[in-house]
């Protein structure tokens, strides 16, 4: 598939990362699957290196963007702030984009669609994972 330079400049490089199979959400957060993005997500990222990051992603109004803040709790390795964009949902699979790392989170929703389990990310090493509780 060839993409024109003009299209790339108009849409931005992040548009290329999302699989076309993922449905985009409307500004209110609803999709054809009626997935509720909630007000915030409580996130745990666990590394095979022994680091454990606890984070809160707070939604910016009714947008698909979150202010994200993490704190490393095992080794006091510091804090991180970033922006996360919810890119879409396909069945029970969600995809989010982390701006500073230019990479994607992938996760599976539980049947109630209030938690993300079995999460991975494009920059993760083997054994790294994440999960989240979605606060409605």
C-alpha atoms as a PDB file:
ATOM      1  CA  UNK A   1       0.000   0.000   0.000  1.00  0.00           C
ATOM      2  CA  UNK A   2       1.418   3.358  -0.995  1.00  0.00           C
ATOM      3  CA  UNK A   3       0.586   6.455   1.031  1.00  0.00           C
ATOM      4  CA  UNK A   4       1.026   9.866  -0.488  1.00  0.00           C
ATOM      5  CA  UNK A   5       3.281  12.344   1.264  1.00  0.00           C
ATOM      6  CA  UNK A   6       0.417  14.863   1.340  1.00  0.00           C
ATOM      7  CA  UNK A   7      -1.914  12.391   3.086  1.00  0.00           C
ATOM      8  CA  UNK A   8       0.783  11.578   5.628  1.00  0.00           C
ATOM      9  CA  UNK A   9       1.251  15.267   6.418  1.00  0.00           C
ATOM     10  CA  UNK A  10      -2.485  15.875   6.669  1.00  0.00           C
ATOM     11  CA  UNK A  11      -3.281  12.931   8.943  1.00  0.00           C
ATOM     12  CA  UNK A  12      -0.107  12.701  11.006  1.00  0.00           C
ATOM     13  CA  UNK A  13       2.139   9.719  11.515  1.00  0.00           C
ATOM     14  CA  UNK A  14       0.141   8.372  14.467  1.00  0.00           C
ATOM     15  CA  UNK A  15      -2.723   7.505  12.110  1.00  0.00           C
ATOM     16  CA  UNK A  16      -0.526   4.841  10.534  1.00  0.00           C
ATOM     17  CA  UNK A  17      -0.114   2.936  13.785  1.00  0.00           C
ATOM     18  CA  UNK A  18      -3.783   2.086  14.269  1.00  0.00           C
ATOM     19  CA  UNK A  19      -5.041  -1.011  12.581  1.00  0.00           C
ATOM     20  CA  UNK A  20      -7.985  -0.308  10.269  1.00  0.00           C
ATOM     21  CA  UNK A  21      -9.866  -3.027  12.152  1.00  0.00           C
ATOM     22  CA  UNK A  22     -10.112  -0.783  15.215  1.00  0.00           C
ATOM     23  CA  UNK A  23     -13.267   1.318  15.365  1.00  0.00           C
ATOM     24  CA  UNK A  24     -12.705   4.968  16.211  1.00  0.00           C
ATOM     25  CA  UNK A  25     -14.710   6.363  19.102  1.00  0.00           C
ATOM     26  CA  UNK A  26     -16.834   9.454  18.915  1.00  0.00           C
ATOM     27  CA  UNK A  27     -15.914  12.402  21.164  1.00  0.00           C
ATOM     28  CA  UNK A  28     -18.268  11.044  23.831  1.00  0.00           C
ATOM     29  CA  UNK A  29     -16.342   7.787  23.924  1.00  0.00           C
ATOM     30  CA  UNK A  30     -19.059   5.537  22.492  1.00  0.00           C
ATOM     31  CA  UNK A  31     -18.495   3.183  19.599  1.00  0.00           C
ATOM     32  CA  UNK A  32     -20.749   0.742  17.843  1.00  0.00           C
ATOM     33  CA  UNK A  33     -19.691  -1.612  20.660  1.00  0.00           C
ATOM     34  CA  UNK A  34     -20.859   0.977  23.250  1.00  0.00           C
ATOM     35  CA  UNK A  35     -17.583   1.014  25.156  1.00  0.00           C
ATOM     36  CA  UNK A  36     -17.458   3.591  27.962  1.00  0.00           C
ATOM     37  CA  UNK A  37     -13.999   5.169  28.369  1.00  0.00           C
ATOM     38  CA  UNK A  38     -14.907   6.280  31.886  1.00  0.00           C
ATOM     39  CA  UNK A  39     -13.421   9.213  33.795  1.00  0.00           C
ATOM     40  CA  UNK A  40     -10.067   7.659  34.605  1.00  0.00           C
ATOM     41  CA  UNK A  41      -8.082   4.439  34.404  1.00  0.00           C
ATOM     42  CA  UNK A  42      -6.007   3.022  37.281  1.00  0.00           C
ATOM     43  CA  UNK A  43      -3.074   1.326  35.605  1.00  0.00           C
ATOM     44  CA  UNK A  44      -0.403  -1.113  36.799  1.00  0.00           C
ATOM     45  CA  UNK A  45       2.598  -1.792  34.571  1.00  0.00           C
ATOM     46  CA  UNK A  46       4.861  -4.619  35.658  1.00  0.00           C
ATOM     47  CA  UNK A  47       8.280  -5.179  34.160  1.00  0.00           C
ATOM     48  CA  UNK A  48      10.299  -8.350  33.977  1.00  0.00           C
ATOM     49  CA  UNK A  49      13.109  -6.112  35.296  1.00  0.00           C
ATOM     50  CA  UNK A  50      11.334  -5.909  38.679  1.00  0.00           C
ATOM     51  CA  UNK A  51       9.941  -2.387  38.295  1.00  0.00           C
ATOM     52  CA  UNK A  52       6.279  -1.813  39.140  1.00  0.00           C
ATOM     53  CA  UNK A  53       4.605   1.354  37.909  1.00  0.00           C
ATOM     54  CA  UNK A  54       1.235   2.491  39.308  1.00  0.00           C
ATOM     55  CA  UNK A  55      -0.510   5.091  37.220  1.00  0.00           C
ATOM     56  CA  UNK A  56      -3.641   7.140  36.831  1.00  0.00           C
ATOM     57  CA  UNK A  57      -4.858   8.170  33.402  1.00  0.00           C
ATOM     58  CA  UNK A  58      -7.395  10.992  33.764  1.00  0.00           C
ATOM     59  CA  UNK A  59      -9.650  11.643  30.812  1.00  0.00           C
ATOM     60  CA  UNK A  60      -9.748  15.125  29.298  1.00  0.00           C
ATOM     61  CA  UNK A  61     -13.476  15.883  29.304  1.00  0.00           C
ATOM     62  CA  UNK A  62     -15.309  13.793  26.714  1.00  0.00           C
ATOM     63  CA  UNK A  63     -12.289  13.366  24.449  1.00  0.00           C
ATOM     64  CA  UNK A  64     -10.227  10.252  23.673  1.00  0.00           C
ATOM     65  CA  UNK A  65      -7.196  11.800  25.431  1.00  0.00           C
ATOM     66  CA  UNK A  66      -5.906  11.144  28.938  1.00  0.00           C
ATOM     67  CA  UNK A  67      -3.418  12.951  31.154  1.00  0.00           C
ATOM     68  CA  UNK A  68      -1.234  10.132  32.447  1.00  0.00           C
ATOM     69  CA  UNK A  69       0.900   9.999  35.587  1.00  0.00           C
ATOM     70  CA  UNK A  70       2.868   6.987  36.876  1.00  0.00           C
ATOM     71  CA  UNK A  71       4.944   6.350  39.977  1.00  0.00           C
ATOM     72  CA  UNK A  72       7.382   3.469  40.375  1.00  0.00           C
ATOM     73  CA  UNK A  73       6.597   1.792  43.729  1.00  0.00           C
ATOM     74  CA  UNK A  74       9.161  -1.003  44.237  1.00  0.00           C
ATOM     75  CA  UNK A  75      12.483   0.763  43.758  1.00  0.00           C
ATOM     76  CA  UNK A  76      11.433   4.417  43.968  1.00  0.00           C
ATOM     77  CA  UNK A  77      12.596   4.883  40.370  1.00  0.00           C
ATOM     78  CA  UNK A  78      10.658   8.115  39.940  1.00  0.00           C
ATOM     79  CA  UNK A  79       7.590   9.501  38.233  1.00  0.00           C
ATOM     80  CA  UNK A  80       6.510   9.867  34.620  1.00  0.00           C
ATOM     81  CA  UNK A  81       3.901  12.077  32.941  1.00  0.00           C
ATOM     82  CA  UNK A  82       2.595  11.628  29.429  1.00  0.00           C
ATOM     83  CA  UNK A  83      -0.455  11.834  27.171  1.00  0.00           C
ATOM     84  CA  UNK A  84      -2.411   8.733  26.177  1.00  0.00           C
ATOM     85  CA  UNK A  85      -4.866   8.646  23.275  1.00  0.00           C
ATOM     86  CA  UNK A  86      -7.555   5.993  23.026  1.00  0.00           C
ATOM     87  CA  UNK A  87      -7.342   4.862  19.395  1.00  0.00           C
ATOM     88  CA  UNK A  88     -10.102   2.298  19.160  1.00  0.00           C
ATOM     89  CA  UNK A  89     -11.752  -0.975  20.004  1.00  0.00           C
ATOM     90  CA  UNK A  90     -12.349  -4.178  18.067  1.00  0.00           C
ATOM     91  CA  UNK A  91     -14.534  -6.637  19.944  1.00  0.00           C
ATOM     92  CA  UNK A  92     -12.888  -6.851  23.354  1.00  0.00           C
ATOM     93  CA  UNK A  93      -9.453  -5.616  22.183  1.00  0.00           C
ATOM     94  CA  UNK A  94      -8.471  -2.003  22.895  1.00  0.00           C
ATOM     95  CA  UNK A  95      -5.622   0.045  21.486  1.00  0.00           C
ATOM     96  CA  UNK A  96      -4.148   3.232  22.951  1.00  0.00           C
ATOM     97  CA  UNK A  97      -1.284   5.447  21.811  1.00  0.00           C
ATOM     98  CA  UNK A  98       1.408   6.772  24.180  1.00  0.00           C
ATOM     99  CA  UNK A  99       2.653  10.066  22.785  1.00  0.00           C
ATOM    100  CA  UNK A 100       6.192  10.392  24.196  1.00  0.00           C
ATOM    101  CA  UNK A 101       7.129   6.822  23.274  1.00  0.00           C
ATOM    102  CA  UNK A 102       5.365   6.923  19.901  1.00  0.00           C
ATOM    103  CA  UNK A 103       4.039   3.459  20.669  1.00  0.00           C
ATOM    104  CA  UNK A 104       0.816   1.579  21.314  1.00  0.00           C
ATOM    105  CA  UNK A 105      -0.716  -0.210  24.257  1.00  0.00           C
ATOM    106  CA  UNK A 106      -2.833  -3.273  23.460  1.00  0.00           C
ATOM    107  CA  UNK A 107      -5.208  -4.921  25.909  1.00  0.00           C
ATOM    108  CA  UNK A 108      -8.173  -7.209  26.315  1.00  0.00           C
ATOM    109  CA  UNK A 109     -11.311  -6.127  28.163  1.00  0.00           C
ATOM    110  CA  UNK A 110     -12.951  -8.319  30.784  1.00  0.00           C
ATOM    111  CA  UNK A 111     -16.555  -9.423  30.020  1.00  0.00           C
ATOM    112  CA  UNK A 112     -17.990  -6.464  32.004  1.00  0.00           C
ATOM    113  CA  UNK A 113     -15.761  -4.093  29.983  1.00  0.00           C
ATOM    114  CA  UNK A 114     -14.538  -2.367  33.167  1.00  0.00           C
ATOM    115  CA  UNK A 115     -10.988  -3.752  33.248  1.00  0.00           C
ATOM    116  CA  UNK A 116      -8.128  -4.266  30.845  1.00  0.00           C
ATOM    117  CA  UNK A 117      -6.314  -7.550  31.337  1.00  0.00           C
ATOM    118  CA  UNK A 118      -3.506  -9.251  29.451  1.00  0.00           C
ATOM    119  CA  UNK A 119      -2.054  -5.966  28.232  1.00  0.00           C
ATOM    120  CA  UNK A 120       1.092  -5.519  26.177  1.00  0.00           C
ATOM    121  CA  UNK A 121       2.802  -2.579  24.496  1.00  0.00           C
ATOM    122  CA  UNK A 122       4.890  -2.068  21.393  1.00  0.00           C
ATOM    123  CA  UNK A 123       7.976  -1.134  23.472  1.00  0.00           C
ATOM    124  CA  UNK A 124       7.630  -3.875  26.128  1.00  0.00           C
ATOM    125  CA  UNK A 125      10.283  -6.499  26.692  1.00  0.00           C
ATOM    126  CA  UNK A 126       9.360 -10.166  27.112  1.00  0.00           C
ATOM    127  CA  UNK A 127       7.545 -10.638  30.425  1.00  0.00           C
ATOM    128  CA  UNK A 128       6.291  -7.039  30.723  1.00  0.00           C
ATOM    129  CA  UNK A 129       2.532  -6.489  31.068  1.00  0.00           C
ATOM    130  CA  UNK A 130      -0.125  -3.992  32.098  1.00  0.00           C
ATOM    131  CA  UNK A 131      -3.699  -3.979  33.355  1.00  0.00           C
ATOM    132  CA  UNK A 132      -6.199  -1.300  34.245  1.00  0.00           C
ATOM    133  CA  UNK A 133      -9.419  -0.653  36.145  1.00  0.00           C
ATOM    134  CA  UNK A 134     -11.725   1.725  34.296  1.00  0.00           C
ATOM    135  CA  UNK A 135     -13.408   4.168  36.692  1.00  0.00           C
ATOM    136  CA  UNK A 136     -16.809   5.147  35.272  1.00  0.00           C
END
